[in-house]
Amino acid sequence: REDSHEVLPRVKAGVAELMGRELLP
């Protein structure tokens, strides 16, 4: 939800969730 140009974003997702979504592409 934050822009890393301005602040450090944090995401709660773990590796298993990333493997099933963000990491597929």
mmCIF file of all heavy atoms, coordinates in Angstrom:
data_MODEL
# 
_entry.id   MODEL 
# 
loop_
_atom_site.group_PDB 
_atom_site.id 
_atom_site.type_symbol 
_atom_site.label_atom_id 
_atom_site.label_alt_id 
_atom_site.label_comp_id 
_atom_site.label_asym_id 
_atom_site.label_entity_id 
_atom_site.label_seq_id 
_atom_site.pdbx_PDB_ins_code 
_atom_site.Cartn_x 
_atom_site.Cartn_y 
_atom_site.Cartn_z 
_atom_site.occupancy 
_atom_site.B_iso_or_equiv 
_atom_site.pdbx_formal_charge 
_atom_site.auth_seq_id 
_atom_site.auth_comp_id 
_atom_site.auth_asym_id 
_atom_site.auth_atom_id 
_atom_site.pdbx_PDB_model_num 
ATOM 1   N N   . ARG A 1 1  ? 0.825  -1.213  0.000   1.00 0.00 ? 1  ARG A N   1 
ATOM 2   C CA  . ARG A 1 1  ? 0.000  0.000   0.000   1.00 0.00 ? 1  ARG A CA  1 
ATOM 3   C C   . ARG A 1 1  ? 0.854  1.256   0.000   1.00 0.00 ? 1  ARG A C   1 
ATOM 4   O O   . ARG A 1 1  ? 0.348  2.352   -0.203  1.00 0.00 ? 1  ARG A O   1 
ATOM 5   C CB  . ARG A 1 1  ? -0.917 0.007   1.230   1.00 0.00 ? 1  ARG A CB  1 
ATOM 6   C CG  . ARG A 1 1  ? -1.931 -1.137  1.220   1.00 0.00 ? 1  ARG A CG  1 
ATOM 7   C CD  . ARG A 1 1  ? -2.932 -0.983  2.341   1.00 0.00 ? 1  ARG A CD  1 
ATOM 8   N NE  . ARG A 1 1  ? -3.910 -2.058  2.336   1.00 0.00 ? 1  ARG A NE  1 
ATOM 9   C CZ  . ARG A 1 1  ? -4.994 -2.096  3.103   1.00 0.00 ? 1  ARG A CZ  1 
ATOM 10  N NH1 . ARG A 1 1  ? -5.212 -1.085  3.956   1.00 0.00 ? 1  ARG A NH1 1 
ATOM 11  N NH2 . ARG A 1 1  ? -5.830 -3.103  3.036   1.00 0.00 ? 1  ARG A NH2 1 
ATOM 12  N N   . GLU A 1 2  ? 2.157  1.089   0.263   1.00 0.00 ? 2  GLU A N   1 
ATOM 13  C CA  . GLU A 1 2  ? 3.056  2.240   0.332   1.00 0.00 ? 2  GLU A CA  1 
ATOM 14  C C   . GLU A 1 2  ? 3.981  2.262   -0.879  1.00 0.00 ? 2  GLU A C   1 
ATOM 15  O O   . GLU A 1 2  ? 4.198  1.243   -1.539  1.00 0.00 ? 2  GLU A O   1 
ATOM 16  C CB  . GLU A 1 2  ? 3.895  2.196   1.613   1.00 0.00 ? 2  GLU A CB  1 
ATOM 17  C CG  . GLU A 1 2  ? 3.088  2.228   2.899   1.00 0.00 ? 2  GLU A CG  1 
ATOM 18  C CD  . GLU A 1 2  ? 2.659  0.838   3.350   1.00 0.00 ? 2  GLU A CD  1 
ATOM 19  O OE1 . GLU A 1 2  ? 3.125  -0.147  2.752   1.00 0.00 ? 2  GLU A OE1 1 
ATOM 20  O OE2 . GLU A 1 2  ? 1.855  0.757   4.288   1.00 0.00 ? 2  GLU A OE2 1 
ATOM 21  N N   . ASP A 1 3  ? 4.529  3.439   -1.140  1.00 0.00 ? 3  ASP A N   1 
ATOM 22  C CA  . ASP A 1 3  ? 5.478  3.643   -2.230  1.00 0.00 ? 3  ASP A CA  1 
ATOM 23  C C   . ASP A 1 3  ? 6.891  3.573   -1.660  1.00 0.00 ? 3  ASP A C   1 
ATOM 24  O O   . ASP A 1 3  ? 7.270  4.387   -0.814  1.00 0.00 ? 3  ASP A O   1 
ATOM 25  C CB  . ASP A 1 3  ? 5.229  5.015   -2.867  1.00 0.00 ? 3  ASP A CB  1 
ATOM 26  C CG  . ASP A 1 3  ? 6.163  5.327   -4.019  1.00 0.00 ? 3  ASP A CG  1 
ATOM 27  O OD1 . ASP A 1 3  ? 7.070  4.516   -4.300  1.00 0.00 ? 3  ASP A OD1 1 
ATOM 28  O OD2 . ASP A 1 3  ? 5.992  6.394   -4.643  1.00 0.00 ? 3  ASP A OD2 1 
ATOM 29  N N   . SER A 1 4  ? 7.695  2.593   -2.132  1.00 0.00 ? 4  SER A N   1 
ATOM 30  C CA  . SER A 1 4  ? 9.039  2.420   -1.582  1.00 0.00 ? 4  SER A CA  1 
ATOM 31  C C   . SER A 1 4  ? 9.990  3.556   -1.961  1.00 0.00 ? 4  SER A C   1 
ATOM 32  O O   . SER A 1 4  ? 11.100 3.628   -1.440  1.00 0.00 ? 4  SER A O   1 
ATOM 33  C CB  . SER A 1 4  ? 9.627  1.079   -2.014  1.00 0.00 ? 4  SER A CB  1 
ATOM 34  O OG  . SER A 1 4  ? 9.605  0.939   -3.420  1.00 0.00 ? 4  SER A OG  1 
ATOM 35  N N   . HIS A 1 5  ? 9.556  4.456   -2.862  1.00 0.00 ? 5  HIS A N   1 
ATOM 36  C CA  . HIS A 1 5  ? 10.350 5.671   -3.083  1.00 0.00 ? 5  HIS A CA  1 
ATOM 37  C C   . HIS A 1 5  ? 10.319 6.563   -1.837  1.00 0.00 ? 5  HIS A C   1 
ATOM 38  O O   . HIS A 1 5  ? 11.220 7.375   -1.631  1.00 0.00 ? 5  HIS A O   1 
ATOM 39  C CB  . HIS A 1 5  ? 9.806  6.469   -4.274  1.00 0.00 ? 5  HIS A CB  1 
ATOM 40  C CG  . HIS A 1 5  ? 10.069 5.836   -5.601  1.00 0.00 ? 5  HIS A CG  1 
ATOM 41  N ND1 . HIS A 1 5  ? 9.228  4.902   -6.143  1.00 0.00 ? 5  HIS A ND1 1 
ATOM 42  C CD2 . HIS A 1 5  ? 11.084 5.997   -6.480  1.00 0.00 ? 5  HIS A CD2 1 
ATOM 43  C CE1 . HIS A 1 5  ? 9.711  4.514   -7.325  1.00 0.00 ? 5  HIS A CE1 1 
ATOM 44  N NE2 . HIS A 1 5  ? 10.837 5.165   -7.545  1.00 0.00 ? 5  HIS A NE2 1 
ATOM 45  N N   . GLU A 1 6  ? 9.278  6.404   -1.032  1.00 0.00 ? 6  GLU A N   1 
ATOM 46  C CA  . GLU A 1 6  ? 9.081  7.276   0.125   1.00 0.00 ? 6  GLU A CA  1 
ATOM 47  C C   . GLU A 1 6  ? 9.236  6.566   1.461   1.00 0.00 ? 6  GLU A C   1 
ATOM 48  O O   . GLU A 1 6  ? 9.811  7.122   2.396   1.00 0.00 ? 6  GLU A O   1 
ATOM 49  C CB  . GLU A 1 6  ? 7.685  7.925   0.049   1.00 0.00 ? 6  GLU A CB  1 
ATOM 50  C CG  . GLU A 1 6  ? 7.414  8.685   -1.242  1.00 0.00 ? 6  GLU A CG  1 
ATOM 51  C CD  . GLU A 1 6  ? 8.380  9.838   -1.466  1.00 0.00 ? 6  GLU A CD  1 
ATOM 52  O OE1 . GLU A 1 6  ? 8.897  10.385  -0.468  1.00 0.00 ? 6  GLU A OE1 1 
ATOM 53  O OE2 . GLU A 1 6  ? 8.631  10.198  -2.631  1.00 0.00 ? 6  GLU A OE2 1 
ATOM 54  N N   . VAL A 1 7  ? 8.697  5.352   1.593   1.00 0.00 ? 7  VAL A N   1 
ATOM 55  C CA  . VAL A 1 7  ? 8.758  4.608   2.849   1.00 0.00 ? 7  VAL A CA  1 
ATOM 56  C C   . VAL A 1 7  ? 9.073  3.148   2.532   1.00 0.00 ? 7  VAL A C   1 
ATOM 57  O O   . VAL A 1 7  ? 9.094  2.748   1.370   1.00 0.00 ? 7  VAL A O   1 
ATOM 58  C CB  . VAL A 1 7  ? 7.432  4.694   3.641   1.00 0.00 ? 7  VAL A CB  1 
ATOM 59  C CG1 . VAL A 1 7  ? 7.126  6.130   4.039   1.00 0.00 ? 7  VAL A CG1 1 
ATOM 60  C CG2 . VAL A 1 7  ? 6.275  4.106   2.824   1.00 0.00 ? 7  VAL A CG2 1 
ATOM 61  N N   . LEU A 1 8  ? 9.320  2.352   3.585   1.00 0.00 ? 8  LEU A N   1 
ATOM 62  C CA  . LEU A 1 8  ? 9.618  0.936   3.411   1.00 0.00 ? 8  LEU A CA  1 
ATOM 63  C C   . LEU A 1 8  ? 8.346  0.112   3.612   1.00 0.00 ? 8  LEU A C   1 
ATOM 64  O O   . LEU A 1 8  ? 7.877  -0.056  4.735   1.00 0.00 ? 8  LEU A O   1 
ATOM 65  C CB  . LEU A 1 8  ? 10.697 0.500   4.410   1.00 0.00 ? 8  LEU A CB  1 
ATOM 66  C CG  . LEU A 1 8  ? 11.179 -0.945  4.305   1.00 0.00 ? 8  LEU A CG  1 
ATOM 67  C CD1 . LEU A 1 8  ? 11.781 -1.217  2.930   1.00 0.00 ? 8  LEU A CD1 1 
ATOM 68  C CD2 . LEU A 1 8  ? 12.191 -1.250  5.405   1.00 0.00 ? 8  LEU A CD2 1 
ATOM 69  N N   . PRO A 1 9  ? 7.760  -0.411  2.527   1.00 0.00 ? 9  PRO A N   1 
ATOM 70  C CA  . PRO A 1 9  ? 6.527  -1.197  2.658   1.00 0.00 ? 9  PRO A CA  1 
ATOM 71  C C   . PRO A 1 9  ? 6.780  -2.531  3.359   1.00 0.00 ? 9  PRO A C   1 
ATOM 72  O O   . PRO A 1 9  ? 7.882  -3.085  3.297   1.00 0.00 ? 9  PRO A O   1 
ATOM 73  C CB  . PRO A 1 9  ? 6.103  -1.432  1.199   1.00 0.00 ? 9  PRO A CB  1 
ATOM 74  C CG  . PRO A 1 9  ? 6.866  -0.437  0.393   1.00 0.00 ? 9  PRO A CG  1 
ATOM 75  C CD  . PRO A 1 9  ? 8.155  -0.244  1.118   1.00 0.00 ? 9  PRO A CD  1 
ATOM 76  N N   . ARG A 1 10 ? 5.734  -3.038  3.986   1.00 0.00 ? 10 ARG A N   1 
ATOM 77  C CA  . ARG A 1 10 ? 5.786  -4.346  4.646   1.00 0.00 ? 10 ARG A CA  1 
ATOM 78  C C   . ARG A 1 10 ? 4.600  -5.180  4.187   1.00 0.00 ? 10 ARG A C   1 
ATOM 79  O O   . ARG A 1 10 ? 3.482  -4.681  4.091   1.00 0.00 ? 10 ARG A O   1 
ATOM 80  C CB  . ARG A 1 10 ? 5.772  -4.183  6.173   1.00 0.00 ? 10 ARG A CB  1 
ATOM 81  C CG  . ARG A 1 10 ? 7.014  -3.470  6.690   1.00 0.00 ? 10 ARG A CG  1 
ATOM 82  C CD  . ARG A 1 10 ? 7.007  -3.287  8.192   1.00 0.00 ? 10 ARG A CD  1 
ATOM 83  N NE  . ARG A 1 10 ? 8.236  -2.646  8.641   1.00 0.00 ? 10 ARG A NE  1 
ATOM 84  C CZ  . ARG A 1 10 ? 9.344  -3.307  8.956   1.00 0.00 ? 10 ARG A CZ  1 
ATOM 85  N NH1 . ARG A 1 10 ? 9.351  -4.635  8.928   1.00 0.00 ? 10 ARG A NH1 1 
ATOM 86  N NH2 . ARG A 1 10 ? 10.435 -2.658  9.320   1.00 0.00 ? 10 ARG A NH2 1 
ATOM 87  N N   . VAL A 1 11 ? 4.870  -6.452  3.919   1.00 0.00 ? 11 VAL A N   1 
ATOM 88  C CA  . VAL A 1 11 ? 3.846  -7.390  3.463   1.00 0.00 ? 11 VAL A CA  1 
ATOM 89  C C   . VAL A 1 11 ? 3.873  -8.597  4.390   1.00 0.00 ? 11 VAL A C   1 
ATOM 90  O O   . VAL A 1 11 ? 4.950  -9.076  4.757   1.00 0.00 ? 11 VAL A O   1 
ATOM 91  C CB  . VAL A 1 11 ? 4.127  -7.830  2.008   1.00 0.00 ? 11 VAL A CB  1 
ATOM 92  C CG1 . VAL A 1 11 ? 3.170  -8.925  1.571   1.00 0.00 ? 11 VAL A CG1 1 
ATOM 93  C CG2 . VAL A 1 11 ? 4.023  -6.637  1.068   1.00 0.00 ? 11 VAL A CG2 1 
ATOM 94  N N   . LYS A 1 12 ? 2.699  -9.090  4.769   1.00 0.00 ? 12 LYS A N   1 
ATOM 95  C CA  . LYS A 1 12 ? 2.630  -10.198 5.724   1.00 0.00 ? 12 LYS A CA  1 
ATOM 96  C C   . LYS A 1 12 ? 2.756  -11.566 5.064   1.00 0.00 ? 12 LYS A C   1 
ATOM 97  O O   . LYS A 1 12 ? 2.924  -12.579 5.739   1.00 0.00 ? 12 LYS A O   1 
ATOM 98  C CB  . LYS A 1 12 ? 1.321  -10.121 6.512   1.00 0.00 ? 12 LYS A CB  1 
ATOM 99  C CG  . LYS A 1 12 ? 1.214  -8.873  7.377   1.00 0.00 ? 12 LYS A CG  1 
ATOM 100 C CD  . LYS A 1 12 ? 0.015  -8.940  8.290   1.00 0.00 ? 12 LYS A CD  1 
ATOM 101 C CE  . LYS A 1 12 ? -0.077 -7.673  9.158   1.00 0.00 ? 12 LYS A CE  1 
ATOM 102 N NZ  . LYS A 1 12 ? 1.101  -7.530  10.041  1.00 0.00 ? 12 LYS A NZ  1 
ATOM 103 N N   . ALA A 1 13 ? 2.679  -11.654 3.746   1.00 0.00 ? 13 ALA A N   1 
ATOM 104 C CA  . ALA A 1 13 ? 2.690  -12.935 3.044   1.00 0.00 ? 13 ALA A CA  1 
ATOM 105 C C   . ALA A 1 13 ? 3.966  -13.720 3.311   1.00 0.00 ? 13 ALA A C   1 
ATOM 106 O O   . ALA A 1 13 ? 5.064  -13.156 3.365   1.00 0.00 ? 13 ALA A O   1 
ATOM 107 C CB  . ALA A 1 13 ? 2.533  -12.705 1.542   1.00 0.00 ? 13 ALA A CB  1 
ATOM 108 N N   . GLY A 1 14 ? 3.802  -15.056 3.482   1.00 0.00 ? 14 GLY A N   1 
ATOM 109 C CA  . GLY A 1 14 ? 4.942  -15.944 3.634   1.00 0.00 ? 14 GLY A CA  1 
ATOM 110 C C   . GLY A 1 14 ? 5.330  -16.557 2.303   1.00 0.00 ? 14 GLY A C   1 
ATOM 111 O O   . GLY A 1 14 ? 4.710  -16.296 1.265   1.00 0.00 ? 14 GLY A O   1 
ATOM 112 N N   . VAL A 1 15 ? 6.332  -17.420 2.325   1.00 0.00 ? 15 VAL A N   1 
ATOM 113 C CA  . VAL A 1 15 ? 6.844  -18.009 1.092   1.00 0.00 ? 15 VAL A CA  1 
ATOM 114 C C   . VAL A 1 15 ? 5.784  -18.839 0.394   1.00 0.00 ? 15 VAL A C   1 
ATOM 115 O O   . VAL A 1 15 ? 5.640  -18.789 -0.832  1.00 0.00 ? 15 VAL A O   1 
ATOM 116 C CB  . VAL A 1 15 ? 8.102  -18.864 1.382   1.00 0.00 ? 15 VAL A CB  1 
ATOM 117 C CG1 . VAL A 1 15 ? 8.535  -19.610 0.114   1.00 0.00 ? 15 VAL A CG1 1 
ATOM 118 C CG2 . VAL A 1 15 ? 9.236  -17.992 1.889   1.00 0.00 ? 15 VAL A CG2 1 
ATOM 119 N N   . ALA A 1 16 ? 4.999  -19.614 1.155   1.00 0.00 ? 16 ALA A N   1 
ATOM 120 C CA  . ALA A 1 16 ? 3.982  -20.466 0.541   1.00 0.00 ? 16 ALA A CA  1 
ATOM 121 C C   . ALA A 1 16 ? 2.956  -19.628 -0.227  1.00 0.00 ? 16 ALA A C   1 
ATOM 122 O O   . ALA A 1 16 ? 2.567  -19.977 -1.354  1.00 0.00 ? 16 ALA A O   1 
ATOM 123 C CB  . ALA A 1 16 ? 3.279  -21.309 1.606   1.00 0.00 ? 16 ALA A CB  1 
ATOM 124 N N   . GLU A 1 17 ? 2.526  -18.524 0.362   1.00 0.00 ? 17 GLU A N   1 
ATOM 125 C CA  . GLU A 1 17 ? 1.572  -17.644 -0.319  1.00 0.00 ? 17 GLU A CA  1 
ATOM 126 C C   . GLU A 1 17 ? 2.205  -16.995 -1.542  1.00 0.00 ? 17 GLU A C   1 
ATOM 127 O O   . GLU A 1 17 ? 1.571  -16.882 -2.602  1.00 0.00 ? 17 GLU A O   1 
ATOM 128 C CB  . GLU A 1 17 ? 1.077  -16.571 0.644   1.00 0.00 ? 17 GLU A CB  1 
ATOM 129 C CG  . GLU A 1 17 ? -0.051 -15.717 0.083   1.00 0.00 ? 17 GLU A CG  1 
ATOM 130 C CD  . GLU A 1 17 ? -0.640 -14.765 1.103   1.00 0.00 ? 17 GLU A CD  1 
ATOM 131 O OE1 . GLU A 1 17 ? -0.284 -14.867 2.297   1.00 0.00 ? 17 GLU A OE1 1 
ATOM 132 O OE2 . GLU A 1 17 ? -1.447 -13.916 0.701   1.00 0.00 ? 17 GLU A OE2 1 
ATOM 133 N N   . LEU A 1 18 ? 3.451  -16.578 -1.427  1.00 0.00 ? 18 LEU A N   1 
ATOM 134 C CA  . LEU A 1 18 ? 4.146  -15.986 -2.568  1.00 0.00 ? 18 LEU A CA  1 
ATOM 135 C C   . LEU A 1 18 ? 4.308  -17.000 -3.696  1.00 0.00 ? 18 LEU A C   1 
ATOM 136 O O   . LEU A 1 18 ? 4.146  -16.660 -4.877  1.00 0.00 ? 18 LEU A O   1 
ATOM 137 C CB  . LEU A 1 18 ? 5.522  -15.472 -2.138  1.00 0.00 ? 18 LEU A CB  1 
ATOM 138 C CG  . LEU A 1 18 ? 5.559  -14.246 -1.225  1.00 0.00 ? 18 LEU A CG  1 
ATOM 139 C CD1 . LEU A 1 18 ? 6.980  -14.005 -0.709  1.00 0.00 ? 18 LEU A CD1 1 
ATOM 140 C CD2 . LEU A 1 18 ? 5.041  -13.007 -1.939  1.00 0.00 ? 18 LEU A CD2 1 
ATOM 141 N N   . MET A 1 19 ? 4.605  -18.250 -3.343  1.00 0.00 ? 19 MET A N   1 
ATOM 142 C CA  . MET A 1 19 ? 4.791  -19.285 -4.364  1.00 0.00 ? 19 MET A CA  1 
ATOM 143 C C   . MET A 1 19 ? 3.507  -19.543 -5.144  1.00 0.00 ? 19 MET A C   1 
ATOM 144 O O   . MET A 1 19 ? 3.543  -19.922 -6.315  1.00 0.00 ? 19 MET A O   1 
ATOM 145 C CB  . MET A 1 19 ? 5.264  -20.588 -3.715  1.00 0.00 ? 19 MET A CB  1 
ATOM 146 C CG  . MET A 1 19 ? 6.698  -20.548 -3.192  1.00 0.00 ? 19 MET A CG  1 
ATOM 147 S SD  . MET A 1 19 ? 7.963  -20.417 -4.476  1.00 0.00 ? 19 MET A SD  1 
ATOM 148 C CE  . MET A 1 19 ? 7.846  -22.025 -5.240  1.00 0.00 ? 19 MET A CE  1 
ATOM 149 N N   . GLY A 1 20 ? 2.368  -19.313 -4.516  1.00 0.00 ? 20 GLY A N   1 
ATOM 150 C CA  . GLY A 1 20 ? 1.099  -19.565 -5.190  1.00 0.00 ? 20 GLY A CA  1 
ATOM 151 C C   . GLY A 1 20 ? 0.536  -18.364 -5.921  1.00 0.00 ? 20 GLY A C   1 
ATOM 152 O O   . GLY A 1 20 ? -0.505 -18.467 -6.575  1.00 0.00 ? 20 GLY A O   1 
ATOM 153 N N   . ARG A 1 21 ? 1.229  -17.227 -5.839  1.00 0.00 ? 21 ARG A N   1 
ATOM 154 C CA  . ARG A 1 21 ? 0.680  -16.014 -6.454  1.00 0.00 ? 21 ARG A CA  1 
ATOM 155 C C   . ARG A 1 21 ? 1.780  -15.169 -7.085  1.00 0.00 ? 21 ARG A C   1 
ATOM 156 O O   . ARG A 1 21 ? 2.045  -15.281 -8.277  1.00 0.00 ? 21 ARG A O   1 
ATOM 157 C CB  . ARG A 1 21 ? -0.083 -15.212 -5.394  1.00 0.00 ? 21 ARG A CB  1 
ATOM 158 C CG  . ARG A 1 21 ? -0.903 -14.047 -5.934  1.00 0.00 ? 21 ARG A CG  1 
ATOM 159 C CD  . ARG A 1 21 ? -1.693 -13.358 -4.828  1.00 0.00 ? 21 ARG A CD  1 
ATOM 160 N NE  . ARG A 1 21 ? -0.834 -12.818 -3.775  1.00 0.00 ? 21 ARG A NE  1 
ATOM 161 C CZ  . ARG A 1 21 ? -1.290 -12.308 -2.629  1.00 0.00 ? 21 ARG A CZ  1 
ATOM 162 N NH1 . ARG A 1 21 ? -2.587 -12.306 -2.382  1.00 0.00 ? 21 ARG A NH1 1 
ATOM 163 N NH2 . ARG A 1 21 ? -0.454 -11.811 -1.733  1.00 0.00 ? 21 ARG A NH2 1 
ATOM 164 N N   . GLU A 1 22 ? 2.450  -14.332 -6.309  1.00 0.00 ? 22 GLU A N   1 
ATOM 165 C CA  . GLU A 1 22 ? 3.437  -13.395 -6.865  1.00 0.00 ? 22 GLU A CA  1 
ATOM 166 C C   . GLU A 1 22 ? 4.572  -14.067 -7.618  1.00 0.00 ? 22 GLU A C   1 
ATOM 167 O O   . GLU A 1 22 ? 5.077  -13.533 -8.612  1.00 0.00 ? 22 GLU A O   1 
ATOM 168 C CB  . GLU A 1 22 ? 4.041  -12.525 -5.749  1.00 0.00 ? 22 GLU A CB  1 
ATOM 169 C CG  . GLU A 1 22 ? 3.159  -11.378 -5.292  1.00 0.00 ? 22 GLU A CG  1 
ATOM 170 C CD  . GLU A 1 22 ? 2.229  -11.784 -4.161  1.00 0.00 ? 22 GLU A CD  1 
ATOM 171 O OE1 . GLU A 1 22 ? 2.102  -13.005 -3.908  1.00 0.00 ? 22 GLU A OE1 1 
ATOM 172 O OE2 . GLU A 1 22 ? 1.636  -10.883 -3.538  1.00 0.00 ? 22 GLU A OE2 1 
ATOM 173 N N   . LEU A 1 23 ? 5.000  -15.228 -7.145  1.00 0.00 ? 23 LEU A N   1 
ATOM 174 C CA  . LEU A 1 23 ? 6.190  -15.847 -7.737  1.00 0.00 ? 23 LEU A CA  1 
ATOM 175 C C   . LEU A 1 23 ? 5.901  -16.634 -9.009  1.00 0.00 ? 23 LEU A C   1 
ATOM 176 O O   . LEU A 1 23 ? 6.844  -17.015 -9.713  1.00 0.00 ? 23 LEU A O   1 
ATOM 177 C CB  . LEU A 1 23 ? 6.876  -16.751 -6.710  1.00 0.00 ? 23 LEU A CB  1 
ATOM 178 C CG  . LEU A 1 23 ? 7.465  -16.027 -5.493  1.00 0.00 ? 23 LEU A CG  1 
ATOM 179 C CD1 . LEU A 1 23 ? 8.163  -17.012 -4.567  1.00 0.00 ? 23 LEU A CD1 1 
ATOM 180 C CD2 . LEU A 1 23 ? 8.434  -14.929 -5.913  1.00 0.00 ? 23 LEU A CD2 1 
ATOM 181 N N   . LEU A 1 24 ? 4.640  -16.867 -9.331  1.00 0.00 ? 24 LEU A N   1 
ATOM 182 C CA  . LEU A 1 24 ? 4.327  -17.629 -10.541 1.00 0.00 ? 24 LEU A CA  1 
ATOM 183 C C   . LEU A 1 24 ? 4.817  -16.941 -11.816 1.00 0.00 ? 24 LEU A C   1 
ATOM 184 O O   . LEU A 1 24 ? 5.444  -17.588 -12.663 1.00 0.00 ? 24 LEU A O   1 
ATOM 185 C CB  . LEU A 1 24 ? 2.821  -17.911 -10.611 1.00 0.00 ? 24 LEU A CB  1 
ATOM 186 C CG  . LEU A 1 24 ? 2.284  -18.865 -9.535  1.00 0.00 ? 24 LEU A CG  1 
ATOM 187 C CD1 . LEU A 1 24 ? 0.762  -19.000 -9.664  1.00 0.00 ? 24 LEU A CD1 1 
ATOM 188 C CD2 . LEU A 1 24 ? 2.953  -20.225 -9.649  1.00 0.00 ? 24 LEU A CD2 1 
ATOM 189 N N   . PRO A 1 25 ? 4.589  -15.639 -12.007 1.00 0.00 ? 25 PRO A N   1 
ATOM 190 C CA  . PRO A 1 25 ? 5.143  -14.986 -13.203 1.00 0.00 ? 25 PRO A CA  1 
ATOM 191 C C   . PRO A 1 25 ? 6.674  -14.969 -13.215 1.00 0.00 ? 25 PRO A C   1 
ATOM 192 O O   . PRO A 1 25 ? 7.292  -15.086 -14.279 1.00 0.00 ? 25 PRO A O   1 
ATOM 193 C CB  . PRO A 1 25 ? 4.575  -13.559 -13.132 1.00 0.00 ? 25 PRO A CB  1 
ATOM 194 C CG  . PRO A 1 25 ? 3.336  -13.681 -12.311 1.00 0.00 ? 25 PRO A CG  1 
ATOM 195 C CD  . PRO A 1 25 ? 3.669  -14.723 -11.279 1.00 0.00 ? 25 PRO A CD  1 
# 
